[in-house]
Amino acid sequence: LGESSGINAEYGQLNTATERAHTKSQNFSSVLKSSLSTTEYEAFKEVIKVYKIKKDIDNVIVSLTEIFMANHKDLLKGFRVFLKDRDKIKFDKFLSEKGLI
């Protein structure tokens, strides 16, 4: 029973972390939808879709630069909520090189 209880507690923590991440991504998506043009927002959604399939952070960085750098640099940092942990270091380096963090 004690072991089962520990597993449930772990699952609860994981579930809560997943829910927080989902809420952050939804909030950021709402900000983007109100800040970007329809064309830019659709391009952003395509970047997310391709990233989920190909998991290619280099492609994401190129695509986001095209969408955000001209008029929405301040929004680039928020994209971090969509990234896998393994890609956050490279993305942070990109942000740093652009003077955004």
C-alpha atoms as a PDB file:
ATOM      1  CA  LEU A   1       0.000   0.000   0.000  1.00  0.00           C
ATOM      2  CA  GLY A   2       2.822   2.410   0.877  1.00  0.00           C
ATOM      3  CA  GLU A   3       4.535   1.766  -2.434  1.00  0.00           C
ATOM      4  CA  SER A   4       1.327   2.253  -4.376  1.00  0.00           C
ATOM      5  CA  SER A   5       0.715   5.482  -2.503  1.00  0.00           C
ATOM      6  CA  GLY A   6       4.191   6.730  -3.508  1.00  0.00           C
ATOM      7  CA  ILE A   7       3.525   5.933  -7.154  1.00  0.00           C
ATOM      8  CA  ASN A   8       0.241   7.830  -7.047  1.00  0.00           C
ATOM      9  CA  ALA A   9       1.954  10.799  -5.397  1.00  0.00           C
ATOM     10  CA  GLU A  10       4.636  10.801  -8.116  1.00  0.00           C
ATOM     11  CA  TYR A  11       2.002  10.602 -10.830  1.00  0.00           C
ATOM     12  CA  GLY A  12       0.130  13.471  -9.201  1.00  0.00           C
ATOM     13  CA  GLN A  13       3.249  15.644  -9.259  1.00  0.00           C
ATOM     14  CA  LEU A  14       3.949  14.748 -12.871  1.00  0.00           C
ATOM     15  CA  ASN A  15       0.340  15.380 -13.818  1.00  0.00           C
ATOM     16  CA  THR A  16       0.379  18.771 -12.077  1.00  0.00           C
ATOM     17  CA  ALA A  17       3.634  19.766 -13.841  1.00  0.00           C
ATOM     18  CA  THR A  18       2.166  18.691 -17.168  1.00  0.00           C
ATOM     19  CA  GLU A  19      -0.972  20.706 -16.480  1.00  0.00           C
ATOM     20  CA  ARG A  20       1.096  23.808 -15.611  1.00  0.00           C
ATOM     21  CA  ALA A  21       3.102  23.460 -18.823  1.00  0.00           C
ATOM     22  CA  HIS A  22      -0.101  23.071 -20.820  1.00  0.00           C
ATOM     23  CA  THR A  23      -1.580  26.186 -19.199  1.00  0.00           C
ATOM     24  CA  LYS A  24       1.584  28.183 -19.959  1.00  0.00           C
ATOM     25  CA  SER A  25       1.504  27.102 -23.592  1.00  0.00           C
ATOM     26  CA  GLN A  26      -2.182  27.991 -23.875  1.00  0.00           C
ATOM     27  CA  ASN A  27      -1.552  31.425 -22.322  1.00  0.00           C
ATOM     28  CA  PHE A  28       1.345  32.091 -24.682  1.00  0.00           C
ATOM     29  CA  SER A  29      -0.749  30.971 -27.661  1.00  0.00           C
ATOM     30  CA  SER A  30      -3.438  33.471 -26.647  1.00  0.00           C
ATOM     31  CA  VAL A  31      -0.879  36.280 -26.447  1.00  0.00           C
ATOM     32  CA  LEU A  32       0.451  35.336 -29.876  1.00  0.00           C
ATOM     33  CA  LYS A  33      -2.989  35.150 -31.413  1.00  0.00           C
ATOM     34  CA  SER A  34      -3.728  38.689 -30.274  1.00  0.00           C
ATOM     35  CA  SER A  35      -0.263  40.022 -31.212  1.00  0.00           C
ATOM     36  CA  LEU A  36       0.450  38.428 -34.593  1.00  0.00           C
ATOM     37  CA  SER A  37      -1.268  38.797 -37.913  1.00  0.00           C
ATOM     38  CA  THR A  38      -3.342  35.828 -39.031  1.00  0.00           C
ATOM     39  CA  THR A  39      -0.598  34.837 -41.475  1.00  0.00           C
ATOM     40  CA  GLU A  40       2.093  35.044 -38.778  1.00  0.00           C
ATOM     41  CA  TYR A  41      -0.016  33.061 -36.307  1.00  0.00           C
ATOM     42  CA  GLU A  42      -0.685  30.332 -38.862  1.00  0.00           C
ATOM     43  CA  ALA A  43       3.052  30.172 -39.606  1.00  0.00           C
ATOM     44  CA  PHE A  44       3.734  29.877 -35.866  1.00  0.00           C
ATOM     45  CA  LYS A  45       1.269  26.969 -35.562  1.00  0.00           C
ATOM     46  CA  GLU A  46       3.010  25.243 -38.466  1.00  0.00           C
ATOM     47  CA  VAL A  47       6.379  25.620 -36.705  1.00  0.00           C
ATOM     48  CA  ILE A  48       4.908  23.922 -33.616  1.00  0.00           C
ATOM     49  CA  LYS A  49       3.433  21.127 -35.730  1.00  0.00           C
ATOM     50  CA  VAL A  50       6.708  20.454 -37.554  1.00  0.00           C
ATOM     51  CA  TYR A  51       8.709  20.620 -34.307  1.00  0.00           C
ATOM     52  CA  LYS A  52       6.471  17.990 -32.705  1.00  0.00           C
ATOM     53  CA  ILE A  53       7.072  15.673 -35.658  1.00  0.00           C
ATOM     54  CA  LYS A  54      10.714  16.324 -36.576  1.00  0.00           C
ATOM     55  CA  LYS A  55      12.053  17.585 -33.216  1.00  0.00           C
ATOM     56  CA  ASP A  56      14.519  19.806 -35.103  1.00  0.00           C
ATOM     57  CA  ILE A  57      15.411  22.852 -32.991  1.00  0.00           C
ATOM     58  CA  ASP A  58      17.609  24.335 -35.732  1.00  0.00           C
ATOM     59  CA  ASN A  59      14.625  24.477 -38.084  1.00  0.00           C
ATOM     60  CA  VAL A  60      12.524  26.025 -35.302  1.00  0.00           C
ATOM     61  CA  ILE A  61      15.094  28.773 -34.750  1.00  0.00           C
ATOM     62  CA  VAL A  62      15.233  29.620 -38.460  1.00  0.00           C
ATOM     63  CA  SER A  63      11.441  29.640 -38.741  1.00  0.00           C
ATOM     64  CA  LEU A  64      10.906  31.711 -35.604  1.00  0.00           C
ATOM     65  CA  THR A  65      13.492  34.229 -36.757  1.00  0.00           C
ATOM     66  CA  GLU A  66      11.486  34.723 -39.958  1.00  0.00           C
ATOM     67  CA  ILE A  67       8.204  35.137 -38.051  1.00  0.00           C
ATOM     68  CA  PHE A  68       9.258  37.153 -35.016  1.00  0.00           C
ATOM     69  CA  MET A  69      12.504  39.086 -35.498  1.00  0.00           C
ATOM     70  CA  ALA A  70      11.176  41.973 -37.576  1.00  0.00           C
ATOM     71  CA  ASN A  71       8.250  43.033 -35.387  1.00  0.00           C
ATOM     72  CA  HIS A  72       7.837  40.692 -32.422  1.00  0.00           C
ATOM     73  CA  LYS A  73      11.267  39.952 -30.914  1.00  0.00           C
ATOM     74  CA  ASP A  74       9.843  40.357 -27.422  1.00  0.00           C
ATOM     75  CA  LEU A  75       7.621  37.310 -27.976  1.00  0.00           C
ATOM     76  CA  LEU A  76      10.442  34.913 -28.864  1.00  0.00           C
ATOM     77  CA  LYS A  77      11.268  34.062 -25.229  1.00  0.00           C
ATOM     78  CA  GLY A  78       7.742  32.787 -24.680  1.00  0.00           C
ATOM     79  CA  PHE A  79       8.231  30.073 -27.274  1.00  0.00           C
ATOM     80  CA  ARG A  80      10.406  28.257 -24.742  1.00  0.00           C
ATOM     81  CA  VAL A  81       7.264  26.711 -23.157  1.00  0.00           C
ATOM     82  CA  PHE A  82       6.822  24.542 -26.250  1.00  0.00           C
ATOM     83  CA  LEU A  83      10.358  23.140 -26.275  1.00  0.00           C
ATOM     84  CA  LYS A  84      11.633  19.829 -25.027  1.00  0.00           C
ATOM     85  CA  ASP A  85      14.156  20.191 -22.200  1.00  0.00           C
ATOM     86  CA  ARG A  86      16.948  18.957 -24.461  1.00  0.00           C
ATOM     87  CA  ASP A  87      16.383  21.905 -26.834  1.00  0.00           C
ATOM     88  CA  LYS A  88      16.102  24.720 -24.286  1.00  0.00           C
ATOM     89  CA  ILE A  89      19.878  25.237 -23.923  1.00  0.00           C
ATOM     90  CA  LYS A  90      20.343  25.747 -27.663  1.00  0.00           C
ATOM     91  CA  PHE A  91      17.289  28.004 -27.827  1.00  0.00           C
ATOM     92  CA  ASP A  92      18.563  30.055 -24.869  1.00  0.00           C
ATOM     93  CA  LYS A  93      21.916  30.437 -26.654  1.00  0.00           C
ATOM     94  CA  PHE A  94      20.050  31.723 -29.714  1.00  0.00           C
ATOM     95  CA  LEU A  95      18.100  34.207 -27.537  1.00  0.00           C
ATOM     96  CA  SER A  96      21.323  35.330 -25.891  1.00  0.00           C
ATOM     97  CA  GLU A  97      23.043  35.865 -29.259  1.00  0.00           C
ATOM     98  CA  LYS A  98      20.108  38.061 -30.302  1.00  0.00           C
ATOM     99  CA  GLY A  99      20.365  40.041 -27.047  1.00  0.00           C
ATOM    100  CA  LEU A 100      16.976  38.873 -25.836  1.00  0.00           C
ATOM    101  CA  ILE A 101      18.124  37.369 -22.540  1.00  0.00           C
END
